[in-house]
Amino acid sequence: MEFTKEPNWIYAENTMGNIIAEVTFPNYTPGVVAINHTFVDDSLRGQGIAGKLMEECYAVLKADGRKAKLICPYAVKWYREHPEKNDIVV
């Protein structure tokens, strides 16, 4: 699956242009974003897509030198399961 990266948003579309997976992380405070929403279409559930979104989000934030406040329940769970990535979590 190919993701499109825009400022504070990573997403995938189907062939009809509908969003089928996304993570949003709007600015929270200077240098900190709030990972506030993760969505994966029902047709893709169980394929690890949400985890791939988190990996992409982590890579973007790490490269930018930004930190993340975890608001989305999935993000909280994912970062608990990946403590090696907690270097960006505030």
PDB file of N, CA and C in Angstrom:
ATOM      1  N   MET A   1       0.846  -1.179   0.000  1.00  0.00           N
ATOM      2  CA  MET A   1       0.000   0.000   0.000  1.00  0.00           C
ATOM      3  C   MET A   1       0.886   1.235   0.000  1.00  0.00           C
ATOM      4  N   GLU A   2       0.517   2.178  -0.823  1.00  0.00           N
ATOM      5  CA  GLU A   2       1.270   3.423  -0.941  1.00  0.00           C
ATOM      6  C   GLU A   2       0.560   4.522  -0.164  1.00  0.00           C
ATOM      7  N   PHE A   3       1.324   5.202   0.680  1.00  0.00           N
ATOM      8  CA  PHE A   3       0.777   6.290   1.476  1.00  0.00           C
ATOM      9  C   PHE A   3       1.169   7.630   0.878  1.00  0.00           C
ATOM     10  N   THR A   4       0.270   8.584   0.998  1.00  0.00           N
ATOM     11  CA  THR A   4       0.543   9.966   0.625  1.00  0.00           C
ATOM     12  C   THR A   4       0.816  10.727   1.909  1.00  0.00           C
ATOM     13  N   LYS A   5       1.883  11.520   1.885  1.00  0.00           N
ATOM     14  CA  LYS A   5       2.245  12.292   3.072  1.00  0.00           C
ATOM     15  C   LYS A   5       2.040  13.766   2.796  1.00  0.00           C
ATOM     16  N   GLU A   6       1.238  14.377   3.632  1.00  0.00           N
ATOM     17  CA  GLU A   6       1.016  15.815   3.600  1.00  0.00           C
ATOM     18  C   GLU A   6       1.309  16.333   5.000  1.00  0.00           C
ATOM     19  N   PRO A   7       1.476  17.646   5.155  1.00  0.00           N
ATOM     20  CA  PRO A   7       1.741  18.148   6.500  1.00  0.00           C
ATOM     21  C   PRO A   7       0.676  17.673   7.492  1.00  0.00           C
ATOM     22  N   ASN A   8       1.115  16.974   8.518  1.00  0.00           N
ATOM     23  CA  ASN A   8       0.260  16.512   9.619  1.00  0.00           C
ATOM     24  C   ASN A   8      -0.814  15.504   9.207  1.00  0.00           C
ATOM     25  N   TRP A   9      -0.595  14.820   8.081  1.00  0.00           N
ATOM     26  CA  TRP A   9      -1.585  13.849   7.609  1.00  0.00           C
ATOM     27  C   TRP A   9      -0.902  12.843   6.692  1.00  0.00           C
ATOM     28  N   ILE A  10      -1.120  11.560   6.959  1.00  0.00           N
ATOM     29  CA  ILE A  10      -0.642  10.484   6.094  1.00  0.00           C
ATOM     30  C   ILE A  10      -1.867   9.645   5.760  1.00  0.00           C
ATOM     31  N   TYR A  11      -2.032   9.334   4.481  1.00  0.00           N
ATOM     32  CA  TYR A  11      -3.252   8.633   4.090  1.00  0.00           C
ATOM     33  C   TYR A  11      -3.027   7.773   2.845  1.00  0.00           C
ATOM     34  N   ALA A  12      -4.013   6.902   2.595  1.00  0.00           N
ATOM     35  CA  ALA A  12      -4.054   6.084   1.384  1.00  0.00           C
ATOM     36  C   ALA A  12      -5.457   6.196   0.809  1.00  0.00           C
ATOM     37  N   GLU A  13      -5.516   6.188  -0.509  1.00  0.00           N
ATOM     38  CA  GLU A  13      -6.798   6.259  -1.205  1.00  0.00           C
ATOM     39  C   GLU A  13      -6.995   4.993  -2.044  1.00  0.00           C
ATOM     40  N   ASN A  14      -8.246   4.664  -2.285  1.00  0.00           N
ATOM     41  CA  ASN A  14      -8.525   3.580  -3.220  1.00  0.00           C
ATOM     42  C   ASN A  14      -8.553   4.154  -4.638  1.00  0.00           C
ATOM     43  N   THR A  15      -8.830   3.332  -5.608  1.00  0.00           N
ATOM     44  CA  THR A  15      -8.812   3.766  -7.008  1.00  0.00           C
ATOM     45  C   THR A  15      -9.880   4.804  -7.321  1.00  0.00           C
ATOM     46  N   MET A  16     -10.897   4.905  -6.472  1.00  0.00           N
ATOM     47  CA  MET A  16     -11.956   5.897  -6.680  1.00  0.00           C
ATOM     48  C   MET A  16     -11.659   7.207  -5.942  1.00  0.00           C
ATOM     49  N   GLY A  17     -10.512   7.284  -5.287  1.00  0.00           N
ATOM     50  CA  GLY A  17     -10.132   8.504  -4.590  1.00  0.00           C
ATOM     51  C   GLY A  17     -10.672   8.641  -3.182  1.00  0.00           C
ATOM     52  N   ASN A  18     -11.250   7.565  -2.651  1.00  0.00           N
ATOM     53  CA  ASN A  18     -11.765   7.586  -1.283  1.00  0.00           C
ATOM     54  C   ASN A  18     -10.643   7.255  -0.299  1.00  0.00           C
ATOM     55  N   ILE A  19     -10.630   7.938   0.839  1.00  0.00           N
ATOM     56  CA  ILE A  19      -9.649   7.654   1.890  1.00  0.00           C
ATOM     57  C   ILE A  19      -9.970   6.286   2.483  1.00  0.00           C
ATOM     58  N   ILE A  20      -8.971   5.404   2.481  1.00  0.00           N
ATOM     59  CA  ILE A  20      -9.176   4.064   3.049  1.00  0.00           C
ATOM     60  C   ILE A  20      -8.307   3.813   4.278  1.00  0.00           C
ATOM     61  N   ALA A  21      -7.363   4.712   4.531  1.00  0.00           N
ATOM     62  CA  ALA A  21      -6.532   4.615   5.731  1.00  0.00           C
ATOM     63  C   ALA A  21      -5.908   5.984   5.968  1.00  0.00           C
ATOM     64  N   GLU A  22      -5.828   6.368   7.248  1.00  0.00           N
ATOM     65  CA  GLU A  22      -5.210   7.660   7.534  1.00  0.00           C
ATOM     66  C   GLU A  22      -4.794   7.765   8.995  1.00  0.00           C
ATOM     67  N   VAL A  23      -3.828   8.638   9.213  1.00  0.00           N
ATOM     68  CA  VAL A  23      -3.469   9.085  10.550  1.00  0.00           C
ATOM     69  C   VAL A  23      -3.325  10.595  10.468  1.00  0.00           C
ATOM     70  N   THR A  24      -3.915  11.285  11.440  1.00  0.00           N
ATOM     71  CA  THR A  24      -3.816  12.739  11.479  1.00  0.00           C
ATOM     72  C   THR A  24      -3.052  13.142  12.734  1.00  0.00           C
ATOM     73  N   PHE A  25      -2.238  14.180  12.586  1.00  0.00           N
ATOM     74  CA  PHE A  25      -1.420  14.647  13.708  1.00  0.00           C
ATOM     75  C   PHE A  25      -1.226  16.159  13.612  1.00  0.00           C
ATOM     76  N   PRO A  26      -2.282  16.915  13.962  1.00  0.00           N
ATOM     77  CA  PRO A  26      -2.203  18.367  13.899  1.00  0.00           C
ATOM     78  C   PRO A  26      -1.218  18.935  14.928  1.00  0.00           C
ATOM     79  N   ASN A  27      -0.767  20.149  14.669  1.00  0.00           N
ATOM     80  CA  ASN A  27       0.123  20.825  15.610  1.00  0.00           C
ATOM     81  C   ASN A  27      -0.589  20.989  16.946  1.00  0.00           C
ATOM     82  N   TYR A  28       0.159  20.768  18.012  1.00  0.00           N
ATOM     83  CA  TYR A  28      -0.377  20.858  19.372  1.00  0.00           C
ATOM     84  C   TYR A  28       0.249  22.053  20.094  1.00  0.00           C
ATOM     85  N   THR A  29       1.549  22.048  20.175  1.00  0.00           N
ATOM     86  CA  THR A  29       2.341  23.163  20.678  1.00  0.00           C
ATOM     87  C   THR A  29       3.563  23.249  19.770  1.00  0.00           C
ATOM     88  N   PRO A  30       4.362  24.295  19.871  1.00  0.00           N
ATOM     89  CA  PRO A  30       5.542  24.365  18.996  1.00  0.00           C
ATOM     90  C   PRO A  30       6.424  23.112  19.122  1.00  0.00           C
ATOM     91  N   GLY A  31       6.651  22.459  18.003  1.00  0.00           N
ATOM     92  CA  GLY A  31       7.481  21.261  17.962  1.00  0.00           C
ATOM     93  C   GLY A  31       6.802  19.982  18.396  1.00  0.00           C
ATOM     94  N   VAL A  32       5.518  20.071  18.732  1.00  0.00           N
ATOM     95  CA  VAL A  32       4.758  18.899  19.202  1.00  0.00           C
ATOM     96  C   VAL A  32       3.461  18.805  18.420  1.00  0.00           C
ATOM     97  N   VAL A  33       3.157  17.593  17.957  1.00  0.00           N
ATOM     98  CA  VAL A  33       1.877  17.321  17.307  1.00  0.00           C
ATOM     99  C   VAL A  33       1.043  16.434  18.220  1.00  0.00           C
ATOM    100  N   ALA A  34      -0.234  16.354  17.931  1.00  0.00           N
ATOM    101  CA  ALA A  34      -1.139  15.460  18.655  1.00  0.00           C
ATOM    102  C   ALA A  34      -1.593  14.381  17.680  1.00  0.00           C
ATOM    103  N   ILE A  35      -1.156  13.154  17.887  1.00  0.00           N
ATOM    104  CA  ILE A  35      -1.666  12.054  17.052  1.00  0.00           C
ATOM    105  C   ILE A  35      -3.076  11.786  17.578  1.00  0.00           C
ATOM    106  N   ASN A  36      -4.052  12.270  16.821  1.00  0.00           N
ATOM    107  CA  ASN A  36      -5.419  12.286  17.339  1.00  0.00           C
ATOM    108  C   ASN A  36      -6.409  11.383  16.612  1.00  0.00           C
ATOM    109  N   HIS A  37      -5.980  10.781  15.511  1.00  0.00           N
ATOM    110  CA  HIS A  37      -6.950   9.983  14.752  1.00  0.00           C
ATOM    111  C   HIS A  37      -6.223   8.988  13.858  1.00  0.00           C
ATOM    112  N   THR A  38      -6.666   7.743  13.940  1.00  0.00           N
ATOM    113  CA  THR A  38      -6.202   6.701  13.025  1.00  0.00           C
ATOM    114  C   THR A  38      -7.440   6.003  12.489  1.00  0.00           C
ATOM    115  N   PHE A  39      -7.465   5.808  11.175  1.00  0.00           N
ATOM    116  CA  PHE A  39      -8.612   5.154  10.544  1.00  0.00           C
ATOM    117  C   PHE A  39      -8.106   4.153   9.520  1.00  0.00           C
ATOM    118  N   VAL A  40      -8.712   2.966   9.519  1.00  0.00           N
ATOM    119  CA  VAL A  40      -8.484   1.967   8.483  1.00  0.00           C
ATOM    120  C   VAL A  40      -9.844   1.415   8.080  1.00  0.00           C
ATOM    121  N   ASP A  41     -10.105   1.438   6.784  1.00  0.00           N
ATOM    122  CA  ASP A  41     -11.364   0.934   6.261  1.00  0.00           C
ATOM    123  C   ASP A  41     -11.555  -0.528   6.672  1.00  0.00           C
ATOM    124  N   ASP A  42     -12.808  -0.896   6.915  1.00  0.00           N
ATOM    125  CA  ASP A  42     -13.126  -2.268   7.327  1.00  0.00           C
ATOM    126  C   ASP A  42     -12.549  -3.314   6.369  1.00  0.00           C
ATOM    127  N   SER A  43     -12.492  -2.998   5.096  1.00  0.00           N
ATOM    128  CA  SER A  43     -12.001  -3.963   4.105  1.00  0.00           C
ATOM    129  C   SER A  43     -10.509  -4.265   4.275  1.00  0.00           C
ATOM    130  N   LEU A  44      -9.800  -3.430   5.025  1.00  0.00           N
ATOM    131  CA  LEU A  44      -8.355  -3.597   5.217  1.00  0.00           C
ATOM    132  C   LEU A  44      -7.975  -4.057   6.624  1.00  0.00           C
ATOM    133  N   ARG A  45      -8.944  -4.175   7.488  1.00  0.00           N
ATOM    134  CA  ARG A  45      -8.662  -4.526   8.879  1.00  0.00           C
ATOM    135  C   ARG A  45      -7.945  -5.875   8.960  1.00  0.00           C
ATOM    136  N   GLY A  46      -7.062  -5.970   9.944  1.00  0.00           N
ATOM    137  CA  GLY A  46      -6.336  -7.212  10.171  1.00  0.00           C
ATOM    138  C   GLY A  46      -5.127  -7.404   9.278  1.00  0.00           C
ATOM    139  N   GLN A  47      -4.766  -6.399   8.497  1.00  0.00           N
ATOM    140  CA  GLN A  47      -3.630  -6.514   7.585  1.00  0.00           C
ATOM    141  C   GLN A  47      -2.419  -5.707   8.058  1.00  0.00           C
ATOM    142  N   GLY A  48      -2.503  -5.140   9.249  1.00  0.00           N
ATOM    143  CA  GLY A  48      -1.387  -4.371   9.778  1.00  0.00           C
ATOM    144  C   GLY A  48      -1.251  -2.971   9.215  1.00  0.00           C
ATOM    145  N   ILE A  49      -2.297  -2.474   8.584  1.00  0.00           N
ATOM    146  CA  ILE A  49      -2.236  -1.159   7.947  1.00  0.00           C
ATOM    147  C   ILE A  49      -2.098  -0.049   8.993  1.00  0.00           C
ATOM    148  N   ALA A  50      -2.817  -0.144  10.088  1.00  0.00           N
ATOM    149  CA  ALA A  50      -2.721   0.891  11.125  1.00  0.00           C
ATOM    150  C   ALA A  50      -1.295   0.960  11.675  1.00  0.00           C
ATOM    151  N   GLY A  51      -0.666  -0.184  11.858  1.00  0.00           N
ATOM    152  CA  GLY A  51       0.719  -0.209  12.314  1.00  0.00           C
ATOM    153  C   GLY A  51       1.662   0.430  11.309  1.00  0.00           C
ATOM    154  N   LYS A  52       1.396   0.210  10.034  1.00  0.00           N
ATOM    155  CA  LYS A  52       2.221   0.834   8.992  1.00  0.00           C
ATOM    156  C   LYS A  52       2.040   2.351   8.998  1.00  0.00           C
ATOM    157  N   LEU A  53       0.824   2.802   9.246  1.00  0.00           N
ATOM    158  CA  LEU A  53       0.591   4.238   9.374  1.00  0.00           C
ATOM    159  C   LEU A  53       1.397   4.809  10.535  1.00  0.00           C
ATOM    160  N   MET A  54       1.417   4.100  11.667  1.00  0.00           N
ATOM    161  CA  MET A  54       2.185   4.563  12.823  1.00  0.00           C
ATOM    162  C   MET A  54       3.679   4.603  12.515  1.00  0.00           C
ATOM    163  N   GLU A  55       4.173   3.603  11.792  1.00  0.00           N
ATOM    164  CA  GLU A  55       5.588   3.586  11.397  1.00  0.00           C
ATOM    165  C   GLU A  55       5.919   4.796  10.529  1.00  0.00           C
ATOM    166  N   GLU A  56       5.049   5.079   9.571  1.00  0.00           N
ATOM    167  CA  GLU A  56       5.263   6.224   8.682  1.00  0.00           C
ATOM    168  C   GLU A  56       5.221   7.527   9.470  1.00  0.00           C
ATOM    169  N   CYS A  57       4.266   7.640  10.358  1.00  0.00           N
ATOM    170  CA  CYS A  57       4.136   8.836  11.179  1.00  0.00           C
ATOM    171  C   CYS A  57       5.378   9.016  12.044  1.00  0.00           C
ATOM    172  N   TYR A  58       5.821   7.947  12.666  1.00  0.00           N
ATOM    173  CA  TYR A  58       7.034   8.012  13.481  1.00  0.00           C
ATOM    174  C   TYR A  58       8.217   8.504  12.652  1.00  0.00           C
ATOM    175  N   ALA A  59       8.386   7.942  11.471  1.00  0.00           N
ATOM    176  CA  ALA A  59       9.514   8.313  10.616  1.00  0.00           C
ATOM    177  C   ALA A  59       9.461   9.793  10.237  1.00  0.00           C
ATOM    178  N   VAL A  60       8.276  10.290   9.916  1.00  0.00           N
ATOM    179  CA  VAL A  60       8.122  11.699   9.554  1.00  0.00           C
ATOM    180  C   VAL A  60       8.473  12.594  10.739  1.00  0.00           C
ATOM    181  N   LEU A  61       7.921  12.280  11.894  1.00  0.00           N
ATOM    182  CA  LEU A  61       8.156  13.111  13.068  1.00  0.00           C
ATOM    183  C   LEU A  61       9.617  13.069  13.500  1.00  0.00           C
ATOM    184  N   LYS A  62      10.214  11.895  13.463  1.00  0.00           N
ATOM    185  CA  LYS A  62      11.620  11.745  13.829  1.00  0.00           C
ATOM    186  C   LYS A  62      12.502  12.570  12.889  1.00  0.00           C
ATOM    187  N   ALA A  63      12.245  12.479  11.589  1.00  0.00           N
ATOM    188  CA  ALA A  63      13.033  13.216  10.595  1.00  0.00           C
ATOM    189  C   ALA A  63      12.882  14.726  10.769  1.00  0.00           C
ATOM    190  N   ASP A  64      11.690  15.152  11.181  1.00  0.00           N
ATOM    191  CA  ASP A  64      11.424  16.583  11.371  1.00  0.00           C
ATOM    192  C   ASP A  64      11.884  17.100  12.730  1.00  0.00           C
ATOM    193  N   GLY A  65      12.251  16.187  13.625  1.00  0.00           N
ATOM    194  CA  GLY A  65      12.642  16.589  14.972  1.00  0.00           C
ATOM    195  C   GLY A  65      11.465  17.008  15.839  1.00  0.00           C
ATOM    196  N   ARG A  66      10.280  16.504  15.488  1.00  0.00           N
ATOM    197  CA  ARG A  66       9.086  16.846  16.270  1.00  0.00           C
ATOM    198  C   ARG A  66       8.762  15.734  17.258  1.00  0.00           C
ATOM    199  N   LYS A  67       7.967  16.068  18.251  1.00  0.00           N
ATOM    200  CA  LYS A  67       7.502  15.122  19.264  1.00  0.00           C
ATOM    201  C   LYS A  67       6.002  14.920  19.082  1.00  0.00           C
ATOM    202  N   ALA A  68       5.460  13.912  19.785  1.00  0.00           N
ATOM    203  CA  ALA A  68       4.041  13.596  19.649  1.00  0.00           C
ATOM    204  C   ALA A  68       3.372  13.419  20.998  1.00  0.00           C
ATOM    205  N   LYS A  69       2.213  14.030  21.129  1.00  0.00           N
ATOM    206  CA  LYS A  69       1.307  13.761  22.238  1.00  0.00           C
ATOM    207  C   LYS A  69       0.311  12.748  21.707  1.00  0.00           C
ATOM    208  N   LEU A  70       0.124  11.668  22.445  1.00  0.00           N
ATOM    209  CA  LEU A  70      -0.744  10.588  21.987  1.00  0.00           C
ATOM    210  C   LEU A  70      -2.159  10.775  22.525  1.00  0.00           C
ATOM    211  N   ILE A  71      -3.092  11.007  21.616  1.00  0.00           N
ATOM    212  CA  ILE A  71      -4.497  11.174  21.982  1.00  0.00           C
ATOM    213  C   ILE A  71      -5.325  10.005  21.451  1.00  0.00           C
ATOM    214  N   CYS A  72      -5.050   9.576  20.239  1.00  0.00           N
ATOM    215  CA  CYS A  72      -5.763   8.461  19.614  1.00  0.00           C
ATOM    216  C   CYS A  72      -5.501   7.175  20.407  1.00  0.00           C
ATOM    217  N   PRO A  73      -6.545   6.438  20.781  1.00  0.00           N
ATOM    218  CA  PRO A  73      -6.350   5.203  21.538  1.00  0.00           C
ATOM    219  C   PRO A  73      -5.444   4.193  20.820  1.00  0.00           C
ATOM    220  N   TYR A  74      -5.562   4.107  19.501  1.00  0.00           N
ATOM    221  CA  TYR A  74      -4.691   3.169  18.787  1.00  0.00           C
ATOM    222  C   TYR A  74      -3.237   3.599  18.896  1.00  0.00           C
ATOM    223  N   ALA A  75      -2.964   4.888  18.780  1.00  0.00           N
ATOM    224  CA  ALA A  75      -1.588   5.380  18.896  1.00  0.00           C
ATOM    225  C   ALA A  75      -1.024   5.063  20.280  1.00  0.00           C
ATOM    226  N   VAL A  76      -1.824   5.259  21.307  1.00  0.00           N
ATOM    227  CA  VAL A  76      -1.388   4.941  22.676  1.00  0.00           C
ATOM    228  C   VAL A  76      -1.000   3.474  22.758  1.00  0.00           C
ATOM    229  N   LYS A  77      -1.852   2.609  22.238  1.00  0.00           N
ATOM    230  CA  LYS A  77      -1.601   1.160  22.260  1.00  0.00           C
ATOM    231  C   LYS A  77      -0.348   0.812  21.461  1.00  0.00           C
ATOM    232  N   TRP A  78      -0.221   1.388  20.275  1.00  0.00           N
ATOM    233  CA  TRP A  78       0.900   1.059  19.402  1.00  0.00           C
ATOM    234  C   TRP A  78       2.226   1.469  20.037  1.00  0.00           C
ATOM    235  N   TYR A  79       2.275   2.655  20.613  1.00  0.00           N
ATOM    236  CA  TYR A  79       3.523   3.112  21.233  1.00  0.00           C
ATOM    237  C   TYR A  79       3.842   2.316  22.490  1.00  0.00           C
ATOM    238  N   ARG A  80       2.837   1.821  23.193  1.00  0.00           N
ATOM    239  CA  ARG A  80       3.087   0.927  24.337  1.00  0.00           C
ATOM    240  C   ARG A  80       3.757  -0.362  23.863  1.00  0.00           C
ATOM    241  N   GLU A  81       3.320  -0.832  22.705  1.00  0.00           N
ATOM    242  CA  GLU A  81       3.867  -2.082  22.156  1.00  0.00           C
ATOM    243  C   GLU A  81       5.209  -1.886  21.456  1.00  0.00           C
ATOM    244  N   HIS A  82       5.616  -0.644  21.229  1.00  0.00           N
ATOM    245  CA  HIS A  82       6.875  -0.334  20.542  1.00  0.00           C
ATOM    246  C   HIS A  82       7.671   0.692  21.357  1.00  0.00           C
ATOM    247  N   PRO A  83       8.138   0.294  22.543  1.00  0.00           N
ATOM    248  CA  PRO A  83       8.822   1.252  23.422  1.00  0.00           C
ATOM    249  C   PRO A  83      10.086   1.839  22.801  1.00  0.00           C
ATOM    250  N   GLU A  84      10.662   1.173  21.829  1.00  0.00           N
ATOM    251  CA  GLU A  84      11.852   1.702  21.173  1.00  0.00           C
ATOM    252  C   GLU A  84      11.550   2.963  20.357  1.00  0.00           C
ATOM    253  N   LYS A  85      10.275   3.230  20.122  1.00  0.00           N
ATOM    254  CA  LYS A  85       9.860   4.414  19.359  1.00  0.00           C
ATOM    255  C   LYS A  85       9.420   5.559  20.282  1.00  0.00           C
ATOM    256  N   ASN A  86       9.464   5.350  21.578  1.00  0.00           N
ATOM    257  CA  ASN A  86       8.961   6.346  22.520  1.00  0.00           C
ATOM    258  C   ASN A  86       9.850   7.584  22.646  1.00  0.00           C
ATOM    259  N   ASP A  87      10.931   7.629  21.898  1.00  0.00           N
ATOM    260  CA  ASP A  87      11.796   8.797  21.951  1.00  0.00           C
ATOM    261  C   ASP A  87      11.135  10.056  21.425  1.00  0.00           C
ATOM    262  N   ILE A  88      10.024   9.916  20.717  1.00  0.00           N
ATOM    263  CA  ILE A  88       9.330  11.101  20.208  1.00  0.00           C
ATOM    264  C   ILE A  88       8.089  11.435  21.030  1.00  0.00           C
ATOM    265  N   VAL A  89       7.762  10.609  22.010  1.00  0.00           N
ATOM    266  CA  VAL A  89       6.531  10.795  22.780  1.00  0.00           C
ATOM    267  C   VAL A  89       6.763  11.741  23.950  1.00  0.00           C
ATOM    268  N   VAL A  90       5.831  12.697  24.117  1.00  0.00           N
ATOM    269  CA  VAL A  90       5.896  13.602  25.276  1.00  0.00           C
ATOM    270  C   VAL A  90       4.888  13.183  26.322  1.00  0.00           C
TER     271      VAL A  90
END
